[in-house]
Amino acid sequence: MKKFIVLYYAPASAAEQMKNASPEEMQKGMEPWMAWAKKCGSALVDLGTPLGNGQRLSKSGGSSPSQSNIVGYSILQAENMEGAKALLQDHPHLHWAEGCEIEVHESLPLPM
């Protein structure tokens, strides 16, 4: 089995909307995610977490706020990219807000 890193993108407006959600609204928003996780079963290695406060680091040691709109991640395992994409079909993140997208990358072995 191969591992796949899933990155969730959302416009700043959607992320801001989550900051203002009540605990009840957040829990209700997680219900489709939990249904998706159950559907994936053991293929879901790590549900992941929301991401925020990203920093871009430079060679000189400086940093600046990230301009990326990555808002979370998950880790899946599948036989191939097609299998990973099948697990992500109709994912709840794609229905969260206009402009939400998912990117999936195969985790490749380190060259030794």
N, C-alpha and C. Protein backbone atom coordinates (compact mmCIF):
# COMPACT_ATOMS: atom_id res chain seq x y z
N MET A 1 0.84 -1.19 0.00
CA MET A 1 0.00 0.00 0.00
C MET A 1 0.88 1.24 0.00
N LYS A 2 0.43 2.24 -0.70
CA LYS A 2 1.13 3.51 -0.75
C LYS A 2 0.40 4.51 0.16
N LYS A 3 1.14 5.50 0.62
CA LYS A 3 0.53 6.57 1.43
C LYS A 3 0.33 7.81 0.58
N PHE A 4 -0.74 8.52 0.88
CA PHE A 4 -1.10 9.74 0.16
C PHE A 4 -1.41 10.84 1.16
N ILE A 5 -0.82 12.00 0.92
CA ILE A 5 -1.06 13.18 1.74
C ILE A 5 -2.16 13.99 1.06
N VAL A 6 -3.20 14.28 1.81
CA VAL A 6 -4.34 15.03 1.29
C VAL A 6 -4.29 16.43 1.91
N LEU A 7 -4.31 17.44 1.06
CA LEU A 7 -4.31 18.83 1.53
C LEU A 7 -5.65 19.46 1.19
N TYR A 8 -6.22 20.14 2.18
CA TYR A 8 -7.51 20.79 2.00
C TYR A 8 -7.30 22.30 1.87
N TYR A 9 -7.83 22.86 0.81
CA TYR A 9 -7.73 24.29 0.53
C TYR A 9 -9.11 24.92 0.70
N ALA A 10 -9.13 26.13 1.26
CA ALA A 10 -10.38 26.88 1.38
C ALA A 10 -10.06 28.36 1.30
N PRO A 11 -10.97 29.14 0.72
CA PRO A 11 -10.76 30.59 0.69
C PRO A 11 -10.77 31.16 2.11
N ALA A 12 -10.13 32.29 2.28
CA ALA A 12 -10.04 32.91 3.60
C ALA A 12 -11.42 33.14 4.19
N SER A 13 -12.41 33.44 3.36
CA SER A 13 -13.76 33.69 3.87
C SER A 13 -14.35 32.46 4.55
N ALA A 14 -14.08 31.27 4.02
CA ALA A 14 -14.59 30.04 4.63
C ALA A 14 -13.89 29.77 5.96
N ALA A 15 -12.57 29.97 5.99
CA ALA A 15 -11.83 29.78 7.24
C ALA A 15 -12.30 30.76 8.30
N GLU A 16 -12.57 31.98 7.91
CA GLU A 16 -13.06 33.00 8.85
C GLU A 16 -14.42 32.62 9.41
N GLN A 17 -15.25 32.03 8.56
CA GLN A 17 -16.58 31.58 8.97
C GLN A 17 -16.46 30.55 10.10
N MET A 18 -15.47 29.66 10.02
CA MET A 18 -15.28 28.64 11.06
C MET A 18 -14.88 29.26 12.39
N LYS A 19 -14.11 30.34 12.35
CA LYS A 19 -13.68 30.99 13.59
C LYS A 19 -14.87 31.50 14.39
N ASN A 20 -15.95 31.86 13.68
CA ASN A 20 -17.12 32.41 14.34
C ASN A 20 -18.20 31.37 14.64
N ALA A 21 -17.95 30.11 14.34
CA ALA A 21 -18.94 29.05 14.56
C ALA A 21 -19.02 28.69 16.04
N SER A 22 -20.21 28.35 16.47
CA SER A 22 -20.41 27.89 17.85
C SER A 22 -19.91 26.45 17.97
N PRO A 23 -19.66 25.97 19.18
CA PRO A 23 -19.25 24.57 19.34
C PRO A 23 -20.27 23.60 18.74
N GLU A 24 -21.55 23.92 18.86
CA GLU A 24 -22.59 23.07 18.28
C GLU A 24 -22.50 23.05 16.76
N GLU A 25 -22.27 24.22 16.16
CA GLU A 25 -22.14 24.30 14.70
C GLU A 25 -20.90 23.54 14.23
N MET A 26 -19.80 23.64 15.00
CA MET A 26 -18.58 22.92 14.64
C MET A 26 -18.81 21.41 14.71
N GLN A 27 -19.50 20.97 15.76
CA GLN A 27 -19.76 19.53 15.89
C GLN A 27 -20.64 19.05 14.75
N LYS A 28 -21.67 19.81 14.41
CA LYS A 28 -22.55 19.43 13.30
C LYS A 28 -21.76 19.40 11.98
N GLY A 29 -20.84 20.35 11.81
CA GLY A 29 -20.00 20.39 10.61
C GLY A 29 -19.07 19.19 10.50
N MET A 30 -18.74 18.58 11.63
CA MET A 30 -17.85 17.42 11.62
C MET A 30 -18.58 16.12 11.30
N GLU A 31 -19.91 16.11 11.37
CA GLU A 31 -20.66 14.87 11.12
C GLU A 31 -20.38 14.28 9.74
N PRO A 32 -20.39 15.09 8.66
CA PRO A 32 -20.07 14.50 7.35
C PRO A 32 -18.63 13.98 7.28
N TRP A 33 -17.72 14.63 7.99
CA TRP A 33 -16.33 14.17 8.03
C TRP A 33 -16.23 12.80 8.70
N MET A 34 -16.97 12.63 9.80
CA MET A 34 -16.92 11.36 10.51
C MET A 34 -17.55 10.24 9.66
N ALA A 35 -18.59 10.58 8.90
CA ALA A 35 -19.18 9.60 7.98
C ALA A 35 -18.17 9.22 6.90
N TRP A 36 -17.44 10.21 6.38
CA TRP A 36 -16.42 9.93 5.38
C TRP A 36 -15.32 9.05 5.98
N ALA A 37 -14.88 9.37 7.20
CA ALA A 37 -13.83 8.58 7.86
C ALA A 37 -14.28 7.13 8.03
N LYS A 38 -15.53 6.94 8.41
CA LYS A 38 -16.06 5.59 8.59
C LYS A 38 -16.07 4.84 7.26
N LYS A 39 -16.45 5.54 6.19
CA LYS A 39 -16.48 4.94 4.85
C LYS A 39 -15.07 4.51 4.43
N CYS A 40 -14.06 5.30 4.77
CA CYS A 40 -12.67 4.98 4.41
C CYS A 40 -12.14 3.79 5.19
N GLY A 41 -12.59 3.64 6.41
CA GLY A 41 -12.11 2.54 7.25
C GLY A 41 -10.61 2.62 7.47
N SER A 42 -9.93 1.48 7.32
CA SER A 42 -8.49 1.42 7.61
C SER A 42 -7.65 2.14 6.54
N ALA A 43 -8.26 2.55 5.44
CA ALA A 43 -7.52 3.31 4.42
C ALA A 43 -7.20 4.72 4.92
N LEU A 44 -7.92 5.18 5.94
CA LEU A 44 -7.63 6.49 6.53
C LEU A 44 -6.61 6.29 7.64
N VAL A 45 -5.37 6.63 7.35
CA VAL A 45 -4.27 6.44 8.30
C VAL A 45 -4.34 7.49 9.40
N ASP A 46 -4.66 8.74 9.01
CA ASP A 46 -4.71 9.86 9.96
C ASP A 46 -5.75 10.85 9.44
N LEU A 47 -6.81 11.06 10.21
CA LEU A 47 -7.84 12.02 9.80
C LEU A 47 -7.24 13.40 9.64
N GLY A 48 -6.20 13.70 10.44
CA GLY A 48 -5.54 15.00 10.38
C GLY A 48 -6.20 16.00 11.29
N THR A 49 -5.88 17.25 11.06
CA THR A 49 -6.40 18.35 11.87
C THR A 49 -6.50 19.59 10.99
N PRO A 50 -7.23 20.59 11.48
CA PRO A 50 -7.16 21.88 10.80
C PRO A 50 -5.75 22.45 10.93
N LEU A 51 -5.36 23.28 10.00
CA LEU A 51 -4.06 23.95 10.03
C LEU A 51 -4.28 25.45 10.01
N GLY A 52 -3.38 26.18 10.64
CA GLY A 52 -3.47 27.63 10.63
C GLY A 52 -2.17 28.26 11.07
N ASN A 53 -2.10 29.56 10.98
CA ASN A 53 -0.94 30.33 11.43
C ASN A 53 0.36 29.87 10.76
N GLY A 54 0.27 29.52 9.48
CA GLY A 54 1.45 29.05 8.75
C GLY A 54 2.50 30.14 8.60
N GLN A 55 3.74 29.70 8.59
CA GLN A 55 4.87 30.61 8.41
C GLN A 55 5.74 30.08 7.27
N ARG A 56 6.22 30.98 6.46
CA ARG A 56 7.15 30.66 5.38
C ARG A 56 8.55 31.02 5.89
N LEU A 57 9.44 30.05 5.92
CA LEU A 57 10.80 30.26 6.44
C LEU A 57 11.77 30.42 5.28
N SER A 58 12.77 31.27 5.48
CA SER A 58 13.76 31.49 4.43
C SER A 58 15.14 31.01 4.88
N LYS A 59 16.01 30.84 3.94
CA LYS A 59 17.38 30.40 4.19
C LYS A 59 18.09 31.34 5.15
N SER A 60 17.77 32.63 5.08
CA SER A 60 18.43 33.62 5.94
C SER A 60 17.97 33.55 7.39
N GLY A 61 16.95 32.73 7.65
CA GLY A 61 16.45 32.61 9.02
C GLY A 61 15.21 33.44 9.28
N GLY A 62 14.83 34.24 8.30
CA GLY A 62 13.63 35.06 8.46
C GLY A 62 12.38 34.24 8.20
N SER A 63 11.25 34.82 8.56
CA SER A 63 9.97 34.17 8.29
C SER A 63 8.91 35.23 8.01
N SER A 64 7.85 34.78 7.35
CA SER A 64 6.73 35.66 7.06
C SER A 64 5.47 34.80 7.04
N PRO A 65 4.31 35.42 7.22
CA PRO A 65 3.08 34.63 7.20
C PRO A 65 2.90 33.92 5.86
N SER A 66 2.45 32.69 5.92
CA SER A 66 2.19 31.93 4.70
C SER A 66 1.03 32.55 3.94
N GLN A 67 1.14 32.56 2.63
CA GLN A 67 0.06 33.05 1.78
C GLN A 67 -0.80 31.90 1.26
N SER A 68 -0.51 30.69 1.69
CA SER A 68 -1.24 29.51 1.25
C SER A 68 -2.60 29.45 1.95
N ASN A 69 -3.58 28.92 1.26
CA ASN A 69 -4.88 28.76 1.87
C ASN A 69 -5.15 27.29 2.20
N ILE A 70 -4.09 26.57 2.60
CA ILE A 70 -4.24 25.20 3.09
C ILE A 70 -4.83 25.30 4.49
N VAL A 71 -5.94 24.57 4.71
CA VAL A 71 -6.62 24.66 6.00
C VAL A 71 -6.63 23.34 6.76
N GLY A 72 -6.07 22.28 6.17
CA GLY A 72 -6.04 21.01 6.87
C GLY A 72 -5.38 19.93 6.03
N TYR A 73 -5.26 18.74 6.63
CA TYR A 73 -4.63 17.62 5.94
C TYR A 73 -5.23 16.31 6.44
N SER A 74 -5.05 15.26 5.68
CA SER A 74 -5.32 13.88 6.08
C SER A 74 -4.26 13.00 5.42
N ILE A 75 -4.13 11.77 5.91
CA ILE A 75 -3.23 10.79 5.30
C ILE A 75 -4.04 9.53 5.01
N LEU A 76 -3.98 9.12 3.75
CA LEU A 76 -4.68 7.92 3.29
C LEU A 76 -3.68 6.87 2.84
N GLN A 77 -4.13 5.63 2.75
CA GLN A 77 -3.34 4.60 2.09
C GLN A 77 -4.22 3.95 1.04
N ALA A 78 -3.61 3.65 -0.10
CA ALA A 78 -4.31 3.03 -1.21
C ALA A 78 -3.28 2.35 -2.10
N GLU A 79 -3.77 1.51 -2.99
CA GLU A 79 -2.88 0.81 -3.91
C GLU A 79 -2.21 1.76 -4.88
N ASN A 80 -2.95 2.82 -5.29
CA ASN A 80 -2.43 3.74 -6.29
C ASN A 80 -3.20 5.07 -6.20
N MET A 81 -2.82 6.02 -7.03
CA MET A 81 -3.46 7.34 -7.01
C MET A 81 -4.95 7.23 -7.33
N GLU A 82 -5.31 6.35 -8.24
CA GLU A 82 -6.73 6.20 -8.58
C GLU A 82 -7.53 5.75 -7.36
N GLY A 83 -6.95 4.85 -6.57
CA GLY A 83 -7.61 4.39 -5.35
C GLY A 83 -7.76 5.51 -4.34
N ALA A 84 -6.72 6.35 -4.21
CA ALA A 84 -6.78 7.49 -3.30
C ALA A 84 -7.85 8.48 -3.76
N LYS A 85 -7.88 8.76 -5.05
CA LYS A 85 -8.88 9.68 -5.59
C LYS A 85 -10.29 9.14 -5.38
N ALA A 86 -10.47 7.83 -5.49
CA ALA A 86 -11.78 7.23 -5.27
C ALA A 86 -12.25 7.45 -3.83
N LEU A 87 -11.32 7.37 -2.88
CA LEU A 87 -11.66 7.61 -1.47
C LEU A 87 -12.09 9.06 -1.23
N LEU A 88 -11.61 9.96 -2.07
CA LEU A 88 -11.89 11.39 -1.91
C LEU A 88 -13.09 11.87 -2.73
N GLN A 89 -13.66 10.98 -3.52
CA GLN A 89 -14.80 11.36 -4.34
C GLN A 89 -15.95 11.82 -3.45
N ASP A 90 -16.52 12.95 -3.76
CA ASP A 90 -17.65 13.53 -3.03
C ASP A 90 -17.31 13.81 -1.56
N HIS A 91 -16.06 14.14 -1.30
CA HIS A 91 -15.59 14.44 0.07
C HIS A 91 -16.36 15.65 0.63
N PRO A 92 -16.68 15.65 1.93
CA PRO A 92 -17.44 16.77 2.51
C PRO A 92 -16.75 18.12 2.42
N HIS A 93 -15.44 18.14 2.35
CA HIS A 93 -14.74 19.43 2.24
C HIS A 93 -15.14 20.16 0.96
N LEU A 94 -15.38 19.41 -0.10
CA LEU A 94 -15.74 20.02 -1.38
C LEU A 94 -17.10 20.70 -1.35
N HIS A 95 -17.90 20.38 -0.34
CA HIS A 95 -19.24 20.95 -0.21
C HIS A 95 -19.31 22.00 0.89
N TRP A 96 -18.21 22.26 1.55
CA TRP A 96 -18.19 23.19 2.69
C TRP A 96 -18.48 24.62 2.26
N ALA A 97 -17.74 25.10 1.28
CA ALA A 97 -17.90 26.49 0.83
C ALA A 97 -17.42 26.59 -0.61
N GLU A 98 -17.91 27.59 -1.30
CA GLU A 98 -17.49 27.84 -2.68
C GLU A 98 -15.97 28.07 -2.71
N GLY A 99 -15.30 27.42 -3.63
CA GLY A 99 -13.86 27.61 -3.76
C GLY A 99 -13.02 26.60 -3.01
N CYS A 100 -13.65 25.68 -2.25
CA CYS A 100 -12.88 24.66 -1.54
C CYS A 100 -12.37 23.63 -2.54
N GLU A 101 -11.13 23.20 -2.33
CA GLU A 101 -10.50 22.21 -3.20
C GLU A 101 -9.69 21.24 -2.37
N ILE A 102 -9.40 20.10 -2.97
CA ILE A 102 -8.56 19.08 -2.35
C ILE A 102 -7.41 18.77 -3.29
N GLU A 103 -6.23 18.61 -2.72
CA GLU A 103 -5.05 18.20 -3.48
C GLU A 103 -4.53 16.92 -2.83
N VAL A 104 -4.15 15.93 -3.62
CA VAL A 104 -3.62 14.69 -3.07
C VAL A 104 -2.26 14.42 -3.69
N HIS A 105 -1.31 14.02 -2.85
CA HIS A 105 0.07 13.74 -3.27
C HIS A 105 0.48 12.37 -2.77
N GLU A 106 1.14 11.61 -3.63
CA GLU A 106 1.70 10.34 -3.20
C GLU A 106 2.96 10.60 -2.38
N SER A 107 3.07 9.94 -1.25
CA SER A 107 4.27 10.04 -0.43
C SER A 107 5.29 9.06 -1.01
N LEU A 108 6.37 9.60 -1.56
CA LEU A 108 7.37 8.78 -2.24
C LEU A 108 8.48 8.37 -1.27
N PRO A 109 9.11 7.24 -1.51
CA PRO A 109 10.21 6.81 -0.64
C PRO A 109 11.41 7.73 -0.78
N LEU A 110 12.13 7.87 0.31
CA LEU A 110 13.37 8.67 0.27
C LEU A 110 14.41 7.91 -0.56
N PRO A 111 15.14 8.64 -1.40
CA PRO A 111 16.21 7.98 -2.16
C PRO A 111 17.35 7.60 -1.20
N MET A 112 17.75 6.38 -1.25
CA MET A 112 18.81 5.92 -0.34
C MET A 112 20.00 5.45 -1.12
